[in-house]
């Protein structure tokens, strides 16, 4: 509109204490100060405290981070949260780094049964038959001096399918060492 002093879009202005995202470079922060009047770029400028220190940003480069529902006035009394854990070694880390080491064990009795089930999912019929035959040979030679050779033949035949068999390698290694 010619001659209009009105801005073409509303200027963003955030209150002190508001949690915001600085869109570029994409960091979180808290508003600690703001200008009373639009200045450079005809924007309200804000002082934002981030983990890397303070920075000055125009309102157009900020987005409000809404409060989580759990911090609502009623304390989140009506909110239900269900957490489900699945699989071996499932865990939840909250504001921490997971440096734990977990070992899921499979009994020797079930090891070859489970590996055969995995081998049946190989789509190439020739590779599937070869891998199943090597598994049978490895199972038959378990505990004997021929196990090492059977293991090496299995690994060679299953090389293209290691993602299927990787979970079983620690237990197979124990069988190699005789433990």
C-alpha atoms as a PDB file:
ATOM      1  CA  UNK A   1       0.000   0.000   0.000  1.00  0.00           C
ATOM      2  CA  UNK A   2       1.652   3.234  -1.119  1.00  0.00           C
ATOM      3  CA  UNK A   3       2.105   5.779   1.621  1.00  0.00           C
ATOM      4  CA  UNK A   4       1.195   3.251   4.325  1.00  0.00           C
ATOM      5  CA  UNK A   5       3.444   3.096   7.358  1.00  0.00           C
ATOM      6  CA  UNK A   6       2.169  -0.364   8.174  1.00  0.00           C
ATOM      7  CA  UNK A   7       4.642  -3.253   7.837  1.00  0.00           C
ATOM      8  CA  UNK A   8       3.825  -5.794   5.090  1.00  0.00           C
ATOM      9  CA  UNK A   9       3.861  -8.564   7.713  1.00  0.00           C
ATOM     10  CA  UNK A  10       3.673  -8.538  11.507  1.00  0.00           C
ATOM     11  CA  UNK A  11       6.986  -8.161  13.304  1.00  0.00           C
ATOM     12  CA  UNK A  12       7.892 -10.931  15.720  1.00  0.00           C
ATOM     13  CA  UNK A  13       8.549  -9.891  19.284  1.00  0.00           C
ATOM     14  CA  UNK A  14       9.195 -12.369  22.095  1.00  0.00           C
ATOM     15  CA  UNK A  15       8.981 -11.778  25.838  1.00  0.00           C
ATOM     16  CA  UNK A  16      11.973 -12.073  28.139  1.00  0.00           C
ATOM     17  CA  UNK A  17      12.251 -15.666  29.322  1.00  0.00           C
ATOM     18  CA  UNK A  18      10.691 -17.185  26.179  1.00  0.00           C
ATOM     19  CA  UNK A  19      12.309 -20.355  24.877  1.00  0.00           C
ATOM     20  CA  UNK A  20      13.110 -19.878  21.201  1.00  0.00           C
ATOM     21  CA  UNK A  21      14.890 -21.540  18.311  1.00  0.00           C
ATOM     22  CA  UNK A  22      17.305 -19.368  16.376  1.00  0.00           C
ATOM     23  CA  UNK A  23      16.331 -20.646  12.905  1.00  0.00           C
ATOM     24  CA  UNK A  24      19.711 -19.929  11.382  1.00  0.00           C
ATOM     25  CA  UNK A  25      21.947 -21.661  12.667  1.00  0.00           C
ATOM     26  CA  UNK A  26      19.277 -23.805  14.375  1.00  0.00           C
ATOM     27  CA  UNK A  27      20.164 -23.453  18.062  1.00  0.00           C
ATOM     28  CA  UNK A  28      17.947 -23.251  21.136  1.00  0.00           C
ATOM     29  CA  UNK A  29      18.046 -20.295  23.457  1.00  0.00           C
ATOM     30  CA  UNK A  30      16.211 -18.064  25.916  1.00  0.00           C
ATOM     31  CA  UNK A  31      15.315 -14.411  25.320  1.00  0.00           C
ATOM     32  CA  UNK A  32      17.138 -12.233  27.895  1.00  0.00           C
ATOM     33  CA  UNK A  33      16.463  -8.755  26.391  1.00  0.00           C
ATOM     34  CA  UNK A  34      14.529  -7.159  23.558  1.00  0.00           C
ATOM     35  CA  UNK A  35      14.456  -3.752  21.869  1.00  0.00           C
ATOM     36  CA  UNK A  36      11.496  -1.429  22.471  1.00  0.00           C
ATOM     37  CA  UNK A  37      11.399  -0.311  18.830  1.00  0.00           C
ATOM     38  CA  UNK A  38      12.146  -1.967  15.499  1.00  0.00           C
ATOM     39  CA  UNK A  39      15.652  -1.016  14.355  1.00  0.00           C
ATOM     40  CA  UNK A  40      17.882  -2.687  11.770  1.00  0.00           C
ATOM     41  CA  UNK A  41      15.816  -4.351   9.011  1.00  0.00           C
ATOM     42  CA  UNK A  42      12.800  -2.765  10.725  1.00  0.00           C
ATOM     43  CA  UNK A  43      12.758  -5.708  13.115  1.00  0.00           C
ATOM     44  CA  UNK A  44      12.644  -6.038  16.886  1.00  0.00           C
ATOM     45  CA  UNK A  45      16.063  -7.315  17.941  1.00  0.00           C
ATOM     46  CA  UNK A  46      16.431  -9.766  20.804  1.00  0.00           C
ATOM     47  CA  UNK A  47      19.342 -10.869  22.958  1.00  0.00           C
ATOM     48  CA  UNK A  48      19.334 -14.660  23.133  1.00  0.00           C
ATOM     49  CA  UNK A  49      21.294 -16.768  25.620  1.00  0.00           C
ATOM     50  CA  UNK A  50      22.398 -20.070  24.017  1.00  0.00           C
ATOM     51  CA  UNK A  51      24.804 -22.793  25.098  1.00  0.00           C
ATOM     52  CA  UNK A  52      27.469 -21.089  22.982  1.00  0.00           C
ATOM     53  CA  UNK A  53      26.894 -17.673  24.587  1.00  0.00           C
ATOM     54  CA  UNK A  54      24.763 -14.614  23.917  1.00  0.00           C
ATOM     55  CA  UNK A  55      23.768 -13.434  20.451  1.00  0.00           C
ATOM     56  CA  UNK A  56      21.623 -10.663  18.961  1.00  0.00           C
ATOM     57  CA  UNK A  57      18.916 -11.817  16.554  1.00  0.00           C
ATOM     58  CA  UNK A  58      16.000 -10.190  14.710  1.00  0.00           C
ATOM     59  CA  UNK A  59      12.522 -11.543  15.463  1.00  0.00           C
ATOM     60  CA  UNK A  60      12.207 -12.904  11.914  1.00  0.00           C
ATOM     61  CA  UNK A  61      15.023 -15.405  12.710  1.00  0.00           C
ATOM     62  CA  UNK A  62      13.306 -16.732  15.860  1.00  0.00           C
ATOM     63  CA  UNK A  63      10.586 -19.313  16.458  1.00  0.00           C
ATOM     64  CA  UNK A  64       8.813 -19.827  19.763  1.00  0.00           C
ATOM     65  CA  UNK A  65       9.304 -23.204  21.445  1.00  0.00           C
ATOM     66  CA  UNK A  66       5.985 -24.037  23.115  1.00  0.00           C
ATOM     67  CA  UNK A  67       5.932 -25.343  26.667  1.00  0.00           C
ATOM     68  CA  UNK A  68       5.518 -29.111  26.905  1.00  0.00           C
ATOM     69  CA  UNK A  69       2.096 -30.290  28.048  1.00  0.00           C
ATOM     70  CA  UNK A  70       3.643 -31.714  31.210  1.00  0.00           C
ATOM     71  CA  UNK A  71       4.484 -28.162  32.334  1.00  0.00           C
ATOM     72  CA  UNK A  72       0.898 -26.948  31.968  1.00  0.00           C
ATOM     73  CA  UNK A  73      -0.975 -25.285  34.803  1.00  0.00           C
ATOM     74  CA  UNK A  74      -2.562 -28.543  36.015  1.00  0.00           C
ATOM     75  CA  UNK A  75       0.847 -30.222  36.169  1.00  0.00           C
ATOM     76  CA  UNK A  76      -0.028 -32.609  33.364  1.00  0.00           C
ATOM     77  CA  UNK A  77      -2.497 -34.468  35.584  1.00  0.00           C
ATOM     78  CA  UNK A  78      -4.592 -35.533  32.587  1.00  0.00           C
ATOM     79  CA  UNK A  79      -1.624 -36.648  30.541  1.00  0.00           C
ATOM     80  CA  UNK A  80      -0.829 -40.352  30.227  1.00  0.00           C
ATOM     81  CA  UNK A  81       2.517 -41.533  28.978  1.00  0.00           C
ATOM     82  CA  UNK A  82       3.229 -45.115  28.062  1.00  0.00           C
ATOM     83  CA  UNK A  83       6.731 -46.356  27.348  1.00  0.00           C
ATOM     84  CA  UNK A  84       7.276 -49.727  25.741  1.00  0.00           C
ATOM     85  CA  UNK A  85      10.642 -51.448  25.473  1.00  0.00           C
ATOM     86  CA  UNK A  86      11.176 -54.269  23.008  1.00  0.00           C
ATOM     87  CA  UNK A  87      14.013 -56.631  22.219  1.00  0.00           C
ATOM     88  CA  UNK A  88      17.228 -57.625  23.899  1.00  0.00           C
ATOM     89  CA  UNK A  89      19.057 -54.907  25.830  1.00  0.00           C
ATOM     90  CA  UNK A  90      16.358 -52.250  25.420  1.00  0.00           C
ATOM     91  CA  UNK A  91      17.019 -49.155  27.471  1.00  0.00           C
ATOM     92  CA  UNK A  92      16.085 -45.532  27.998  1.00  0.00           C
ATOM     93  CA  UNK A  93      18.696 -42.820  28.506  1.00  0.00           C
ATOM     94  CA  UNK A  94      17.632 -39.427  29.790  1.00  0.00           C
ATOM     95  CA  UNK A  95      20.212 -36.649  29.489  1.00  0.00           C
ATOM     96  CA  UNK A  96      23.010 -39.196  29.581  1.00  0.00           C
ATOM     97  CA  UNK A  97      25.371 -41.044  27.321  1.00  0.00           C
ATOM     98  CA  UNK A  98      24.982 -44.809  27.157  1.00  0.00           C
ATOM     99  CA  UNK A  99      28.382 -46.402  27.747  1.00  0.00           C
ATOM    100  CA  UNK A 100      27.014 -49.728  28.878  1.00  0.00           C
ATOM    101  CA  UNK A 101      27.881 -53.041  27.305  1.00  0.00           C
ATOM    102  CA  UNK A 102      25.203 -55.683  27.219  1.00  0.00           C
ATOM    103  CA  UNK A 103      25.397 -59.232  26.029  1.00  0.00           C
ATOM    104  CA  UNK A 104      22.258 -61.123  25.127  1.00  0.00           C
ATOM    105  CA  UNK A 105      22.930 -64.802  25.351  1.00  0.00           C
ATOM    106  CA  UNK A 106      21.376 -67.613  23.441  1.00  0.00           C
ATOM    107  CA  UNK A 107      21.858 -71.121  24.709  1.00  0.00           C
ATOM    108  CA  UNK A 108      23.979 -73.407  22.561  1.00  0.00           C
ATOM    109  CA  UNK A 109      20.883 -75.572  22.073  1.00  0.00           C
ATOM    110  CA  UNK A 110      18.998 -72.742  20.382  1.00  0.00           C
ATOM    111  CA  UNK A 111      21.922 -71.126  18.553  1.00  0.00           C
ATOM    112  CA  UNK A 112      21.809 -73.272  15.431  1.00  0.00           C
ATOM    113  CA  UNK A 113      17.999 -73.375  15.363  1.00  0.00           C
ATOM    114  CA  UNK A 114      17.858 -69.580  15.383  1.00  0.00           C
ATOM    115  CA  UNK A 115      20.618 -69.304  12.770  1.00  0.00           C
ATOM    116  CA  UNK A 116      18.764 -71.727  10.487  1.00  0.00           C
ATOM    117  CA  UNK A 117      15.620 -69.598  10.814  1.00  0.00           C
ATOM    118  CA  UNK A 118      17.626 -66.553   9.741  1.00  0.00           C
ATOM    119  CA  UNK A 119      19.203 -68.465   6.849  1.00  0.00           C
ATOM    120  CA  UNK A 120      15.754 -69.396   5.534  1.00  0.00           C
ATOM    121  CA  UNK A 121      15.142 -65.701   4.814  1.00  0.00           C
ATOM    122  CA  UNK A 122      17.943 -65.613   2.200  1.00  0.00           C
ATOM    123  CA  UNK A 123      16.149 -65.048  -1.105  1.00  0.00           C
ATOM    124  CA  UNK A 124      18.767 -66.559  -3.431  1.00  0.00           C
ATOM    125  CA  UNK A 125      17.990 -70.290  -3.412  1.00  0.00           C
ATOM    126  CA  UNK A 126      21.555 -71.423  -4.152  1.00  0.00           C
ATOM    127  CA  UNK A 127      23.052 -69.212  -1.404  1.00  0.00           C
ATOM    128  CA  UNK A 128      20.313 -70.285   1.029  1.00  0.00           C
ATOM    129  CA  UNK A 129      20.980 -74.017   0.437  1.00  0.00           C
ATOM    130  CA  UNK A 130      24.756 -73.490   0.708  1.00  0.00           C
ATOM    131  CA  UNK A 131      24.410 -71.545   3.962  1.00  0.00           C
ATOM    132  CA  UNK A 132      22.026 -74.103   5.493  1.00  0.00           C
ATOM    133  CA  UNK A 133      24.398 -76.936   4.556  1.00  0.00           C
ATOM    134  CA  UNK A 134      27.331 -75.084   6.170  1.00  0.00           C
ATOM    135  CA  UNK A 135      25.228 -74.496   9.296  1.00  0.00           C
ATOM    136  CA  UNK A 136      24.393 -78.219   9.510  1.00  0.00           C
ATOM    137  CA  UNK A 137      28.079 -79.095   9.158  1.00  0.00           C
ATOM    138  CA  UNK A 138      29.034 -76.584  11.838  1.00  0.00           C
ATOM    139  CA  UNK A 139      26.406 -77.972  14.223  1.00  0.00           C
ATOM    140  CA  UNK A 140      27.575 -81.563  13.659  1.00  0.00           C
ATOM    141  CA  UNK A 141      31.234 -80.679  14.323  1.00  0.00           C
ATOM    142  CA  UNK A 142      30.574 -78.565  17.422  1.00  0.00           C
ATOM    143  CA  UNK A 143      32.998 -79.538  20.176  1.00  0.00           C
ATOM    144  CA  UNK A 144      35.368 -81.382  17.826  1.00  0.00           C
ATOM    145  CA  UNK A 145      38.616 -80.452  16.134  1.00  0.00           C
ATOM    146  CA  UNK A 146      36.753 -80.020  12.838  1.00  0.00           C
ATOM    147  CA  UNK A 147      34.592 -77.151  14.106  1.00  0.00           C
ATOM    148  CA  UNK A 148      37.123 -74.456  13.109  1.00  0.00           C
ATOM    149  CA  UNK A 149      37.112 -75.568   9.473  1.00  0.00           C
ATOM    150  CA  UNK A 150      33.291 -75.808   9.441  1.00  0.00           C
ATOM    151  CA  UNK A 151      33.081 -72.326  10.967  1.00  0.00           C
ATOM    152  CA  UNK A 152      35.409 -70.870   8.298  1.00  0.00           C
ATOM    153  CA  UNK A 153      33.380 -72.496   5.500  1.00  0.00           C
ATOM    154  CA  UNK A 154      30.168 -71.110   7.000  1.00  0.00           C
ATOM    155  CA  UNK A 155      31.594 -67.577   7.264  1.00  0.00           C
ATOM    156  CA  UNK A 156      32.773 -67.742   3.632  1.00  0.00           C
ATOM    157  CA  UNK A 157      29.375 -68.926   2.377  1.00  0.00           C
ATOM    158  CA  UNK A 158      27.418 -66.402   4.481  1.00  0.00           C
ATOM    159  CA  UNK A 159      29.665 -63.405   3.738  1.00  0.00           C
ATOM    160  CA  UNK A 160      26.947 -61.655   1.702  1.00  0.00           C
ATOM    161  CA  UNK A 161      24.476 -62.066   4.555  1.00  0.00           C
ATOM    162  CA  UNK A 162      26.470 -61.033   7.614  1.00  0.00           C
ATOM    163  CA  UNK A 163      23.751 -58.618   8.745  1.00  0.00           C
ATOM    164  CA  UNK A 164      21.599 -61.688   9.388  1.00  0.00           C
ATOM    165  CA  UNK A 165      24.254 -63.554  11.339  1.00  0.00           C
ATOM    166  CA  UNK A 166      26.130 -60.743  13.124  1.00  0.00           C
ATOM    167  CA  UNK A 167      24.118 -61.160  16.370  1.00  0.00           C
ATOM    168  CA  UNK A 168      25.306 -64.783  16.599  1.00  0.00           C
ATOM    169  CA  UNK A 169      29.029 -64.136  16.091  1.00  0.00           C
ATOM    170  CA  UNK A 170      29.887 -63.595  19.793  1.00  0.00           C
ATOM    171  CA  UNK A 171      28.408 -66.977  20.748  1.00  0.00           C
ATOM    172  CA  UNK A 172      30.079 -68.672  17.785  1.00  0.00           C
ATOM    173  CA  UNK A 173      33.367 -67.149  18.944  1.00  0.00           C
ATOM    174  CA  UNK A 174      32.842 -68.726  22.354  1.00  0.00           C
ATOM    175  CA  UNK A 175      32.371 -72.084  20.668  1.00  0.00           C
ATOM    176  CA  UNK A 176      35.648 -71.529  18.807  1.00  0.00           C
ATOM    177  CA  UNK A 177      37.519 -70.823  22.032  1.00  0.00           C
ATOM    178  CA  UNK A 178      35.949 -73.853  23.703  1.00  0.00           C
ATOM    179  CA  UNK A 179      34.214 -71.884  26.479  1.00  0.00           C
END
